[in-house]
């Protein structure tokens, strides 16, 4: 491996000759909110949802690692295809995501406060992920979403912290377009009896969750 140079093949979303992790639908049971829709989709097929090719030139305190991600287009129960999401083992580690192609969003959530934000990720857009932030990437388009993530070599990936709680927000398709809403609101939309609990209403520019606005 040449530690100083790599070839990004954006046509297939891989770093040539580098280790690649594949996540299929079967690997994301805890990530999608609608378990019934998930099981129904999985019974029909087990498609590839996303891949990440990584380069790890060194492990020193000042070294950087980077990975090329590709998320396929698709939905499960109205929720767009997504990554598992994680926080760094070394909580003080930050990261940058560089959009290369497609249309996506990133969900960021502060581990301590729960403060959440959704940011656009597309070609030419850079998203900064601060320390102590859960982060997840979502493909909201009709074509594969590709992006590059750059992070400290010592950052590590902690998936277990999200195993039970998941993200506070979801990115879902409403009236044919992407909307970012609170998870409880999304659950209420699938169970009308709960609408009064979360106070969801629809406006001209999308959905608003009155509980958290």
N, C-alpha and C. Protein backbone atom coordinates (compact mmCIF):
# COMPACT_ATOMS: atom_id res chain seq x y z
N UNK A 1 0.84 -1.20 0.00
CA UNK A 1 0.00 0.00 0.00
C UNK A 1 0.88 1.25 0.00
N UNK A 2 0.54 2.20 -0.85
CA UNK A 2 1.21 3.49 -0.86
C UNK A 2 0.50 4.40 0.14
N UNK A 3 1.18 4.72 1.25
CA UNK A 3 0.54 5.49 2.31
C UNK A 3 0.31 6.94 1.92
N UNK A 4 0.94 7.39 0.86
CA UNK A 4 0.89 8.80 0.49
C UNK A 4 -0.04 9.10 -0.67
N UNK A 5 -0.60 8.07 -1.29
CA UNK A 5 -1.44 8.29 -2.46
C UNK A 5 -2.47 7.18 -2.58
N UNK A 6 -3.69 7.53 -2.96
CA UNK A 6 -4.71 6.52 -3.22
C UNK A 6 -5.58 6.98 -4.37
N UNK A 7 -6.31 6.05 -4.94
CA UNK A 7 -7.15 6.32 -6.10
C UNK A 7 -8.60 6.15 -5.71
N UNK A 8 -9.36 7.26 -5.76
CA UNK A 8 -10.79 7.21 -5.49
C UNK A 8 -11.52 6.93 -6.80
N UNK A 9 -12.16 5.78 -6.89
CA UNK A 9 -12.96 5.47 -8.07
C UNK A 9 -14.40 5.85 -7.76
N UNK A 10 -14.77 7.07 -8.11
CA UNK A 10 -16.10 7.58 -7.77
C UNK A 10 -17.20 6.91 -8.58
N UNK A 11 -16.84 6.24 -9.68
CA UNK A 11 -17.87 5.56 -10.47
C UNK A 11 -18.46 4.38 -9.73
N UNK A 12 -17.68 3.79 -8.81
CA UNK A 12 -18.19 2.67 -8.01
C UNK A 12 -18.12 2.96 -6.51
N UNK A 13 -17.62 4.14 -6.15
CA UNK A 13 -17.60 4.55 -4.75
C UNK A 13 -16.62 3.77 -3.89
N UNK A 14 -15.44 3.44 -4.44
CA UNK A 14 -14.45 2.67 -3.70
C UNK A 14 -13.08 3.32 -3.81
N UNK A 15 -12.24 3.10 -2.81
CA UNK A 15 -10.83 3.44 -2.90
C UNK A 15 -10.11 2.19 -3.39
N UNK A 16 -9.54 2.26 -4.55
CA UNK A 16 -8.99 1.09 -5.22
C UNK A 16 -7.91 0.42 -4.36
N UNK A 17 -8.10 -0.89 -4.17
CA UNK A 17 -7.11 -1.68 -3.46
C UNK A 17 -7.14 -1.57 -1.95
N UNK A 18 -8.14 -0.87 -1.39
CA UNK A 18 -8.21 -0.67 0.06
C UNK A 18 -9.35 -1.50 0.67
N UNK A 19 -9.24 -1.82 1.96
CA UNK A 19 -10.29 -2.60 2.61
C UNK A 19 -11.64 -1.88 2.54
N UNK A 20 -12.69 -2.64 2.29
CA UNK A 20 -14.03 -2.08 2.14
C UNK A 20 -15.02 -2.84 3.02
N UNK A 21 -15.78 -2.08 3.79
CA UNK A 21 -16.86 -2.66 4.61
C UNK A 21 -18.16 -2.51 3.84
N UNK A 22 -18.93 -3.58 3.76
CA UNK A 22 -20.25 -3.55 3.13
C UNK A 22 -21.32 -3.75 4.19
N UNK A 23 -22.36 -2.92 4.14
CA UNK A 23 -23.51 -3.08 5.02
C UNK A 23 -24.74 -3.34 4.16
N UNK A 24 -25.32 -4.49 4.36
CA UNK A 24 -26.55 -4.84 3.66
C UNK A 24 -27.74 -4.57 4.58
N UNK A 25 -28.92 -4.72 4.03
CA UNK A 25 -30.12 -4.42 4.82
C UNK A 25 -30.16 -5.25 6.10
N UNK A 26 -29.71 -6.49 6.05
CA UNK A 26 -29.74 -7.35 7.23
C UNK A 26 -28.88 -6.82 8.38
N UNK A 27 -27.92 -5.94 8.06
CA UNK A 27 -27.01 -5.40 9.08
C UNK A 27 -27.57 -4.18 9.79
N UNK A 28 -28.77 -3.71 9.39
CA UNK A 28 -29.28 -2.43 9.86
C UNK A 28 -30.61 -2.56 10.59
N UNK A 29 -30.83 -3.70 11.20
CA UNK A 29 -32.10 -3.94 11.89
C UNK A 29 -32.40 -2.89 12.96
N UNK A 30 -31.39 -2.45 13.69
CA UNK A 30 -31.61 -1.49 14.77
C UNK A 30 -31.58 -0.04 14.30
N UNK A 31 -31.30 0.18 13.02
CA UNK A 31 -31.14 1.55 12.53
C UNK A 31 -32.44 2.16 12.02
N UNK A 32 -33.26 1.36 11.33
CA UNK A 32 -34.53 1.86 10.81
C UNK A 32 -35.60 1.78 11.89
N UNK A 33 -36.47 2.78 11.91
CA UNK A 33 -37.42 2.90 13.01
C UNK A 33 -38.62 1.97 12.89
N UNK A 34 -39.11 1.76 11.68
CA UNK A 34 -40.32 0.97 11.47
C UNK A 34 -39.92 -0.50 11.33
N UNK A 35 -40.00 -1.24 12.43
CA UNK A 35 -39.53 -2.63 12.42
C UNK A 35 -40.38 -3.52 11.52
N UNK A 36 -41.68 -3.26 11.42
CA UNK A 36 -42.53 -4.06 10.56
C UNK A 36 -42.17 -3.85 9.09
N UNK A 37 -41.98 -2.60 8.71
CA UNK A 37 -41.58 -2.31 7.33
C UNK A 37 -40.21 -2.90 7.03
N UNK A 38 -39.32 -2.86 8.01
CA UNK A 38 -37.99 -3.41 7.84
C UNK A 38 -38.05 -4.92 7.59
N UNK A 39 -38.79 -5.63 8.42
CA UNK A 39 -38.87 -7.09 8.27
C UNK A 39 -39.54 -7.46 6.95
N UNK A 40 -40.53 -6.69 6.52
CA UNK A 40 -41.19 -6.95 5.25
C UNK A 40 -40.22 -6.74 4.09
N UNK A 41 -39.42 -5.67 4.17
CA UNK A 41 -38.45 -5.41 3.11
C UNK A 41 -37.37 -6.48 3.07
N UNK A 42 -36.91 -6.89 4.24
CA UNK A 42 -35.85 -7.90 4.30
C UNK A 42 -36.35 -9.25 3.79
N UNK A 43 -37.62 -9.54 4.00
CA UNK A 43 -38.19 -10.79 3.50
C UNK A 43 -38.20 -10.83 1.98
N UNK A 44 -38.24 -9.66 1.35
CA UNK A 44 -38.25 -9.58 -0.11
C UNK A 44 -36.85 -9.62 -0.71
N UNK A 45 -35.89 -8.97 -0.02
CA UNK A 45 -34.54 -8.85 -0.58
C UNK A 45 -33.59 -8.39 0.51
N UNK A 46 -32.30 -8.54 0.27
CA UNK A 46 -31.27 -8.08 1.20
C UNK A 46 -30.26 -7.23 0.43
N UNK A 47 -30.68 -6.05 -0.02
CA UNK A 47 -29.82 -5.24 -0.89
C UNK A 47 -28.64 -4.62 -0.14
N UNK A 48 -27.64 -4.26 -0.91
CA UNK A 48 -26.53 -3.47 -0.38
C UNK A 48 -27.04 -2.07 -0.08
N UNK A 49 -26.80 -1.59 1.13
CA UNK A 49 -27.23 -0.24 1.52
C UNK A 49 -26.06 0.73 1.43
N UNK A 50 -24.90 0.36 1.98
CA UNK A 50 -23.75 1.28 1.87
C UNK A 50 -22.43 0.54 2.00
N UNK A 51 -21.38 1.21 1.53
CA UNK A 51 -20.01 0.71 1.65
C UNK A 51 -19.11 1.82 2.17
N UNK A 52 -18.02 1.44 2.80
CA UNK A 52 -16.99 2.38 3.23
C UNK A 52 -15.62 1.76 2.95
N UNK A 53 -14.83 2.43 2.12
CA UNK A 53 -13.44 2.03 1.88
C UNK A 53 -12.54 2.94 2.71
N UNK A 54 -11.56 2.36 3.40
CA UNK A 54 -10.76 3.14 4.33
C UNK A 54 -9.28 3.05 4.04
N UNK A 55 -8.58 4.15 4.33
CA UNK A 55 -7.12 4.20 4.25
C UNK A 55 -6.60 4.63 5.61
N UNK A 56 -5.66 3.83 6.16
CA UNK A 56 -5.11 4.10 7.49
C UNK A 56 -3.59 4.12 7.39
N UNK A 57 -3.03 5.26 6.98
CA UNK A 57 -1.58 5.33 6.73
C UNK A 57 -0.71 5.13 7.96
N UNK A 58 -1.20 5.55 9.14
CA UNK A 58 -0.40 5.45 10.35
C UNK A 58 -1.28 5.52 11.58
N UNK A 59 -0.70 5.20 12.72
CA UNK A 59 -1.47 5.16 13.98
C UNK A 59 -0.95 6.15 15.01
N UNK A 60 -0.09 7.07 14.59
CA UNK A 60 0.48 8.02 15.53
C UNK A 60 -0.51 9.09 15.94
N UNK A 61 -0.15 9.83 16.99
CA UNK A 61 -1.05 10.84 17.54
C UNK A 61 -1.43 11.91 16.53
N UNK A 62 -0.56 12.18 15.57
CA UNK A 62 -0.86 13.21 14.59
C UNK A 62 -1.35 12.68 13.25
N UNK A 63 -1.50 11.36 13.13
CA UNK A 63 -1.90 10.77 11.86
C UNK A 63 -3.40 10.95 11.60
N UNK A 64 -3.75 10.88 10.32
CA UNK A 64 -5.14 10.95 9.90
C UNK A 64 -5.52 9.67 9.15
N UNK A 65 -6.77 9.26 9.31
CA UNK A 65 -7.37 8.22 8.49
C UNK A 65 -8.46 8.85 7.64
N UNK A 66 -8.81 8.20 6.55
CA UNK A 66 -9.93 8.71 5.75
C UNK A 66 -10.66 7.55 5.09
N UNK A 67 -11.92 7.80 4.80
CA UNK A 67 -12.74 6.76 4.19
C UNK A 67 -13.67 7.34 3.15
N UNK A 68 -13.90 6.56 2.09
CA UNK A 68 -14.84 6.94 1.04
C UNK A 68 -16.12 6.15 1.25
N UNK A 69 -17.22 6.87 1.47
CA UNK A 69 -18.50 6.24 1.70
C UNK A 69 -19.40 6.34 0.48
N UNK A 70 -20.21 5.31 0.29
CA UNK A 70 -21.23 5.31 -0.76
C UNK A 70 -22.50 4.73 -0.17
N UNK A 71 -23.60 5.49 -0.26
CA UNK A 71 -24.91 5.02 0.21
C UNK A 71 -25.83 4.92 -1.00
N UNK A 72 -26.45 3.77 -1.16
CA UNK A 72 -27.37 3.57 -2.27
C UNK A 72 -28.68 4.32 -2.01
N UNK A 73 -29.41 4.65 -3.06
CA UNK A 73 -30.74 5.25 -2.88
C UNK A 73 -31.75 4.18 -2.47
N UNK A 74 -32.70 4.57 -1.66
CA UNK A 74 -33.75 3.63 -1.25
C UNK A 74 -34.41 4.08 0.03
N UNK A 75 -35.46 3.37 0.40
CA UNK A 75 -36.20 3.68 1.62
C UNK A 75 -36.69 2.40 2.27
N UNK A 76 -36.89 2.47 3.57
CA UNK A 76 -37.55 1.41 4.33
C UNK A 76 -38.67 2.05 5.12
N UNK A 77 -39.89 1.76 4.76
CA UNK A 77 -41.03 2.34 5.48
C UNK A 77 -41.04 3.85 5.45
N UNK A 78 -40.56 4.44 4.35
CA UNK A 78 -40.54 5.89 4.23
C UNK A 78 -39.28 6.55 4.76
N UNK A 79 -38.42 5.79 5.43
CA UNK A 79 -37.16 6.33 5.96
C UNK A 79 -36.04 6.06 4.95
N UNK A 80 -35.30 7.10 4.63
CA UNK A 80 -34.27 6.99 3.61
C UNK A 80 -33.12 6.08 4.07
N UNK A 81 -32.47 5.44 3.10
CA UNK A 81 -31.30 4.62 3.39
C UNK A 81 -30.26 5.46 4.14
N UNK A 82 -29.60 4.81 5.09
CA UNK A 82 -28.72 5.52 6.03
C UNK A 82 -27.58 4.64 6.48
N UNK A 83 -26.62 5.25 7.16
CA UNK A 83 -25.57 4.49 7.81
C UNK A 83 -25.99 4.17 9.25
N UNK A 84 -25.27 3.24 9.87
CA UNK A 84 -25.56 2.93 11.26
C UNK A 84 -25.43 4.16 12.15
N UNK A 85 -24.43 4.97 11.85
CA UNK A 85 -24.14 6.11 12.71
C UNK A 85 -23.26 5.69 13.87
N UNK A 86 -22.50 6.63 14.39
CA UNK A 86 -21.59 6.31 15.49
C UNK A 86 -21.13 7.59 16.18
N UNK A 87 -20.44 7.39 17.29
CA UNK A 87 -19.69 8.45 17.95
C UNK A 87 -18.27 7.91 18.07
N UNK A 88 -17.30 8.78 18.21
CA UNK A 88 -15.93 8.29 18.27
C UNK A 88 -15.59 7.75 19.65
N UNK A 89 -14.82 6.67 19.68
CA UNK A 89 -14.34 6.14 20.96
C UNK A 89 -13.59 7.23 21.72
N UNK A 90 -12.72 7.92 21.01
CA UNK A 90 -12.05 9.09 21.59
C UNK A 90 -13.00 10.26 21.38
N UNK A 91 -13.74 10.58 22.40
CA UNK A 91 -14.84 11.53 22.26
C UNK A 91 -14.38 12.92 21.82
N UNK A 92 -13.13 13.28 22.06
CA UNK A 92 -12.64 14.60 21.69
C UNK A 92 -12.31 14.70 20.20
N UNK A 93 -12.43 13.61 19.46
CA UNK A 93 -12.09 13.62 18.04
C UNK A 93 -13.19 14.27 17.22
N UNK A 94 -12.80 15.17 16.33
CA UNK A 94 -13.71 15.76 15.36
C UNK A 94 -13.51 15.07 14.02
N UNK A 95 -14.32 15.43 13.03
CA UNK A 95 -14.23 14.81 11.71
C UNK A 95 -14.80 15.78 10.67
N UNK A 96 -14.33 15.68 9.44
CA UNK A 96 -14.96 16.43 8.36
C UNK A 96 -15.46 15.45 7.30
N UNK A 97 -16.62 15.75 6.75
CA UNK A 97 -17.20 15.00 5.64
C UNK A 97 -17.23 15.91 4.42
N UNK A 98 -16.76 15.39 3.30
CA UNK A 98 -16.68 16.17 2.06
C UNK A 98 -17.60 15.50 1.03
N UNK A 99 -18.65 16.21 0.64
CA UNK A 99 -19.57 15.66 -0.33
C UNK A 99 -18.95 15.59 -1.71
N UNK A 100 -19.13 14.45 -2.39
CA UNK A 100 -18.55 14.24 -3.71
C UNK A 100 -19.60 14.04 -4.80
N UNK A 101 -20.75 13.50 -4.45
CA UNK A 101 -21.78 13.26 -5.45
C UNK A 101 -23.08 12.82 -4.80
N UNK A 102 -24.19 13.09 -5.48
CA UNK A 102 -25.49 12.73 -4.94
C UNK A 102 -26.03 13.78 -4.00
N UNK A 103 -27.15 13.47 -3.38
CA UNK A 103 -27.80 14.38 -2.44
C UNK A 103 -28.05 13.65 -1.12
N UNK A 104 -27.56 14.23 -0.04
CA UNK A 104 -27.73 13.59 1.25
C UNK A 104 -27.86 14.58 2.39
N UNK A 105 -27.94 14.04 3.58
CA UNK A 105 -27.98 14.84 4.80
C UNK A 105 -27.16 14.13 5.85
N UNK A 106 -26.68 14.92 6.80
CA UNK A 106 -26.02 14.37 7.97
C UNK A 106 -26.80 14.77 9.21
N UNK A 107 -27.02 13.80 10.07
CA UNK A 107 -27.63 14.06 11.37
C UNK A 107 -26.52 14.12 12.41
N UNK A 108 -26.49 15.20 13.18
CA UNK A 108 -25.53 15.37 14.27
C UNK A 108 -26.32 15.50 15.58
N UNK A 109 -25.83 14.84 16.61
CA UNK A 109 -26.53 14.89 17.90
C UNK A 109 -25.51 14.89 19.03
N UNK A 110 -25.56 15.91 19.86
CA UNK A 110 -24.64 16.01 20.99
C UNK A 110 -24.94 14.91 22.00
N UNK A 111 -23.91 14.17 22.38
CA UNK A 111 -24.11 13.02 23.26
C UNK A 111 -24.64 13.43 24.63
N UNK A 112 -24.19 14.57 25.14
CA UNK A 112 -24.57 14.98 26.49
C UNK A 112 -25.92 15.69 26.54
N UNK A 113 -26.18 16.58 25.59
CA UNK A 113 -27.38 17.42 25.66
C UNK A 113 -28.52 16.93 24.76
N UNK A 114 -28.20 16.11 23.76
CA UNK A 114 -29.22 15.70 22.80
C UNK A 114 -29.52 16.74 21.74
N UNK A 115 -28.84 17.89 21.79
CA UNK A 115 -29.06 18.91 20.77
C UNK A 115 -28.78 18.32 19.39
N UNK A 116 -29.73 18.49 18.47
CA UNK A 116 -29.64 17.85 17.16
C UNK A 116 -29.68 18.87 16.04
N UNK A 117 -29.04 18.51 14.94
CA UNK A 117 -29.12 19.34 13.75
C UNK A 117 -28.97 18.44 12.53
N UNK A 118 -29.57 18.86 11.42
CA UNK A 118 -29.47 18.15 10.16
C UNK A 118 -28.84 19.09 9.14
N UNK A 119 -27.81 18.61 8.46
CA UNK A 119 -27.06 19.42 7.52
C UNK A 119 -27.02 18.74 6.15
N UNK A 120 -27.09 19.55 5.12
CA UNK A 120 -27.03 19.03 3.76
C UNK A 120 -25.64 18.53 3.44
N UNK A 121 -25.56 17.41 2.70
CA UNK A 121 -24.29 16.88 2.23
C UNK A 121 -24.44 16.57 0.74
N UNK A 122 -23.68 17.25 -0.09
CA UNK A 122 -23.73 17.07 -1.53
C UNK A 122 -22.39 17.49 -2.10
N UNK A 123 -22.21 17.34 -3.39
CA UNK A 123 -20.94 17.68 -4.03
C UNK A 123 -20.55 19.13 -3.72
N UNK A 124 -19.33 19.31 -3.23
CA UNK A 124 -18.84 20.65 -2.93
C UNK A 124 -19.19 21.16 -1.55
N UNK A 125 -19.88 20.36 -0.74
CA UNK A 125 -20.26 20.78 0.62
C UNK A 125 -19.43 20.01 1.64
N UNK A 126 -18.90 20.74 2.61
CA UNK A 126 -18.12 20.13 3.70
C UNK A 126 -18.91 20.27 5.00
N UNK A 127 -19.05 19.18 5.72
CA UNK A 127 -19.75 19.18 7.01
C UNK A 127 -18.72 18.89 8.11
N UNK A 128 -18.70 19.74 9.11
CA UNK A 128 -17.82 19.55 10.26
C UNK A 128 -18.58 18.84 11.37
N UNK A 129 -18.03 17.72 11.82
CA UNK A 129 -18.60 16.96 12.93
C UNK A 129 -17.79 17.28 14.18
N UNK A 130 -18.37 17.97 15.16
CA UNK A 130 -17.60 18.35 16.34
C UNK A 130 -17.37 17.17 17.28
N UNK A 131 -16.48 17.33 18.25
CA UNK A 131 -16.30 16.29 19.26
C UNK A 131 -17.60 15.97 19.98
N UNK A 132 -17.69 14.76 20.52
CA UNK A 132 -18.82 14.33 21.35
C UNK A 132 -20.14 14.33 20.58
N UNK A 133 -20.08 14.11 19.27
CA UNK A 133 -21.31 14.15 18.47
C UNK A 133 -21.55 12.82 17.79
N UNK A 134 -22.75 12.25 18.03
CA UNK A 134 -23.19 11.14 17.20
C UNK A 134 -23.39 11.68 15.79
N UNK A 135 -23.08 10.89 14.77
CA UNK A 135 -23.31 11.36 13.41
C UNK A 135 -23.72 10.20 12.50
N UNK A 136 -24.63 10.51 11.61
CA UNK A 136 -25.20 9.54 10.68
C UNK A 136 -25.37 10.21 9.33
N UNK A 137 -25.15 9.46 8.25
CA UNK A 137 -25.29 9.98 6.89
C UNK A 137 -26.49 9.33 6.23
N UNK A 138 -27.25 10.13 5.48
CA UNK A 138 -28.51 9.67 4.88
C UNK A 138 -28.53 10.07 3.40
N UNK A 139 -28.94 9.15 2.54
CA UNK A 139 -29.09 9.45 1.11
C UNK A 139 -30.54 9.82 0.83
N UNK A 140 -30.78 11.08 0.46
CA UNK A 140 -32.14 11.54 0.19
C UNK A 140 -32.42 11.66 -1.31
N UNK A 141 -31.47 11.23 -2.14
CA UNK A 141 -31.61 11.39 -3.57
C UNK A 141 -31.97 10.11 -4.29
N UNK A 142 -31.96 10.19 -5.61
CA UNK A 142 -32.31 9.06 -6.47
C UNK A 142 -31.07 8.36 -7.02
N UNK A 143 -29.89 8.86 -6.68
CA UNK A 143 -28.62 8.27 -7.13
C UNK A 143 -27.74 8.02 -5.91
N UNK A 144 -26.68 7.22 -6.06
CA UNK A 144 -25.80 6.98 -4.91
C UNK A 144 -25.21 8.28 -4.36
N UNK A 145 -25.08 8.33 -3.05
CA UNK A 145 -24.44 9.44 -2.35
C UNK A 145 -23.01 9.02 -2.05
N UNK A 146 -22.04 9.84 -2.48
CA UNK A 146 -20.64 9.55 -2.19
C UNK A 146 -20.02 10.70 -1.42
N UNK A 147 -19.13 10.38 -0.50
CA UNK A 147 -18.52 11.39 0.36
C UNK A 147 -17.22 10.85 0.93
N UNK A 148 -16.37 11.76 1.36
CA UNK A 148 -15.10 11.40 1.98
C UNK A 148 -15.11 11.89 3.42
N UNK A 149 -14.74 11.02 4.35
CA UNK A 149 -14.63 11.39 5.76
C UNK A 149 -13.18 11.35 6.20
N UNK A 150 -12.72 12.39 6.89
CA UNK A 150 -11.34 12.48 7.36
C UNK A 150 -11.35 12.68 8.87
N UNK A 151 -10.59 11.86 9.59
CA UNK A 151 -10.67 11.86 11.05
C UNK A 151 -9.34 11.45 11.66
N UNK A 152 -9.09 11.78 12.93
CA UNK A 152 -7.83 11.40 13.56
C UNK A 152 -7.67 9.88 13.63
N UNK A 153 -6.45 9.42 13.51
CA UNK A 153 -6.18 7.99 13.54
C UNK A 153 -6.65 7.34 14.83
N UNK A 154 -6.65 8.09 15.91
CA UNK A 154 -7.01 7.53 17.21
C UNK A 154 -8.49 7.69 17.54
N UNK A 155 -9.30 8.15 16.57
CA UNK A 155 -10.72 8.43 16.86
C UNK A 155 -11.48 7.17 17.25
N UNK A 156 -11.39 6.13 16.45
CA UNK A 156 -12.17 4.92 16.70
C UNK A 156 -13.65 5.13 16.44
N UNK A 157 -14.41 4.04 16.35
CA UNK A 157 -15.84 4.10 16.06
C UNK A 157 -16.62 3.34 17.13
N UNK A 158 -17.47 4.04 17.83
CA UNK A 158 -18.30 3.44 18.88
C UNK A 158 -19.74 3.34 18.36
N UNK A 159 -20.15 2.11 18.00
CA UNK A 159 -21.51 1.88 17.53
C UNK A 159 -22.44 1.48 18.67
N UNK A 160 -21.87 0.93 19.73
CA UNK A 160 -22.68 0.41 20.83
C UNK A 160 -23.49 1.47 21.55
N UNK A 161 -22.98 2.71 21.60
CA UNK A 161 -23.68 3.77 22.32
C UNK A 161 -25.03 4.07 21.70
N UNK A 162 -25.22 3.70 20.43
CA UNK A 162 -26.49 3.95 19.74
C UNK A 162 -27.38 2.72 19.68
N UNK A 163 -26.91 1.61 20.22
CA UNK A 163 -27.62 0.34 20.05
C UNK A 163 -29.06 0.38 20.56
N UNK A 164 -29.31 1.13 21.63
CA UNK A 164 -30.65 1.15 22.21
C UNK A 164 -31.40 2.45 21.97
N UNK A 165 -30.71 3.57 21.92
CA UNK A 165 -31.39 4.86 21.91
C UNK A 165 -31.68 5.39 20.51
N UNK A 166 -30.83 5.09 19.54
CA UNK A 166 -30.94 5.61 18.18
C UNK A 166 -30.93 7.15 18.19
N UNK A 167 -31.00 7.75 17.01
CA UNK A 167 -30.97 9.20 16.89
C UNK A 167 -32.33 9.80 17.24
N UNK A 168 -32.30 11.01 17.74
CA UNK A 168 -33.54 11.70 18.10
C UNK A 168 -34.35 12.09 16.86
N UNK A 169 -33.66 12.39 15.76
CA UNK A 169 -34.32 12.80 14.53
C UNK A 169 -34.24 11.71 13.48
N UNK A 170 -35.19 11.75 12.53
CA UNK A 170 -35.19 10.85 11.38
C UNK A 170 -35.38 11.68 10.12
N UNK A 171 -34.91 11.14 9.00
CA UNK A 171 -35.11 11.78 7.70
C UNK A 171 -36.03 10.88 6.89
N UNK A 172 -37.22 11.37 6.60
CA UNK A 172 -38.25 10.54 5.99
C UNK A 172 -38.85 11.23 4.77
N UNK A 173 -39.51 10.45 3.94
CA UNK A 173 -40.17 10.98 2.75
C UNK A 173 -41.62 11.32 3.09
N UNK A 174 -41.98 12.59 2.91
CA UNK A 174 -43.35 13.05 3.13
C UNK A 174 -43.77 13.81 1.88
N UNK A 175 -44.88 13.40 1.29
CA UNK A 175 -45.36 14.01 0.05
C UNK A 175 -44.28 14.02 -1.04
N UNK A 176 -43.47 12.96 -1.07
CA UNK A 176 -42.48 12.80 -2.12
C UNK A 176 -41.16 13.49 -1.91
N UNK A 177 -40.97 14.13 -0.76
CA UNK A 177 -39.71 14.83 -0.50
C UNK A 177 -39.19 14.56 0.90
N UNK A 178 -37.90 14.84 1.13
CA UNK A 178 -37.30 14.58 2.44
C UNK A 178 -37.70 15.61 3.49
N UNK A 179 -38.00 15.12 4.68
CA UNK A 179 -38.34 15.97 5.82
C UNK A 179 -37.59 15.44 7.04
N UNK A 180 -37.02 16.34 7.82
CA UNK A 180 -36.35 15.98 9.07
C UNK A 180 -37.31 16.25 10.22
N UNK A 181 -37.64 15.22 10.96
CA UNK A 181 -38.58 15.37 12.07
C UNK A 181 -38.11 14.56 13.27
N UNK A 182 -38.68 14.85 14.42
CA UNK A 182 -38.37 14.10 15.62
C UNK A 182 -38.88 12.66 15.48
N UNK A 183 -38.15 11.74 16.04
CA UNK A 183 -38.52 10.33 15.96
C UNK A 183 -39.92 10.07 16.51
N UNK A 184 -40.26 10.73 17.61
CA UNK A 184 -41.58 10.54 18.19
C UNK A 184 -42.69 11.02 17.27
N UNK A 185 -42.41 12.09 16.53
CA UNK A 185 -43.38 12.58 15.56
C UNK A 185 -43.58 11.57 14.45
N UNK A 186 -42.49 10.99 13.98
CA UNK A 186 -42.57 9.99 12.92
C UNK A 186 -43.37 8.78 13.39
N UNK A 187 -43.17 8.38 14.62
CA UNK A 187 -43.94 7.25 15.14
C UNK A 187 -45.42 7.60 15.26
N UNK A 188 -45.68 8.84 15.61
CA UNK A 188 -47.07 9.28 15.72
C UNK A 188 -47.75 9.30 14.36
N UNK A 189 -47.01 9.63 13.32
CA UNK A 189 -47.58 9.64 11.97
C UNK A 189 -48.03 8.24 11.56
N UNK A 190 -47.36 7.23 12.10
CA UNK A 190 -47.74 5.85 11.79
C UNK A 190 -48.80 5.33 12.76
N UNK A 191 -49.06 6.13 13.81
CA UNK A 191 -50.07 5.78 14.82
C UNK A 191 -50.85 7.03 15.16
N UNK A 192 -51.90 7.37 14.40
CA UNK A 192 -52.61 8.64 14.57
C UNK A 192 -53.07 8.92 15.99
N UNK A 193 -53.26 7.91 16.81
CA UNK A 193 -53.71 8.13 18.18
C UNK A 193 -52.70 8.89 19.01
N UNK A 194 -51.44 8.95 18.53
CA UNK A 194 -50.38 9.61 19.29
C UNK A 194 -50.13 11.04 18.81
N UNK A 195 -50.84 11.50 17.78
CA UNK A 195 -50.58 12.82 17.24
C UNK A 195 -50.73 13.92 18.29
N UNK A 196 -51.72 13.80 19.15
CA UNK A 196 -51.94 14.85 20.15
C UNK A 196 -50.83 14.89 21.19
N UNK A 197 -50.11 13.78 21.33
CA UNK A 197 -49.03 13.71 22.31
C UNK A 197 -47.84 14.54 21.85
N UNK A 198 -47.49 14.43 20.54
CA UNK A 198 -46.31 15.14 20.05
C UNK A 198 -46.67 16.47 19.41
N UNK A 199 -47.93 16.75 19.13
CA UNK A 199 -48.33 18.04 18.61
C UNK A 199 -47.83 18.33 17.22
N UNK A 200 -47.85 17.34 16.34
CA UNK A 200 -47.35 17.53 14.99
C UNK A 200 -48.36 18.28 14.14
N UNK A 201 -47.86 19.20 13.32
CA UNK A 201 -48.72 19.89 12.37
C UNK A 201 -47.97 20.07 11.06
N UNK A 202 -48.70 20.24 9.99
CA UNK A 202 -48.09 20.43 8.68
C UNK A 202 -48.23 21.87 8.24
N UNK A 203 -47.15 22.44 7.67
CA UNK A 203 -47.17 23.81 7.18
C UNK A 203 -46.80 23.80 5.70
N UNK A 204 -46.79 24.98 5.08
CA UNK A 204 -46.49 25.07 3.66
C UNK A 204 -45.08 24.60 3.33
N UNK A 205 -44.14 24.74 4.28
CA UNK A 205 -42.76 24.36 4.01
C UNK A 205 -42.37 23.07 4.70
N UNK A 206 -43.35 22.25 5.07
CA UNK A 206 -43.04 20.94 5.62
C UNK A 206 -43.71 20.68 6.93
N UNK A 207 -43.17 19.73 7.71
CA UNK A 207 -43.74 19.34 9.00
C UNK A 207 -43.05 20.10 10.13
N UNK A 208 -43.82 20.42 11.14
CA UNK A 208 -43.27 21.05 12.31
C UNK A 208 -43.71 20.27 13.54
N UNK A 209 -42.77 20.02 14.40
CA UNK A 209 -43.05 19.29 15.64
C UNK A 209 -43.14 20.33 16.76
N UNK A 210 -44.33 20.62 17.19
CA UNK A 210 -44.54 21.72 18.13
C UNK A 210 -43.97 21.39 19.52
N UNK A 211 -43.74 20.11 19.79
CA UNK A 211 -43.18 19.76 21.08
C UNK A 211 -41.76 20.28 21.21
N UNK A 212 -40.99 20.26 20.11
CA UNK A 212 -39.58 20.60 20.19
C UNK A 212 -39.21 21.88 19.48
N UNK A 213 -40.15 22.55 18.83
CA UNK A 213 -39.81 23.76 18.08
C UNK A 213 -39.54 24.93 19.01
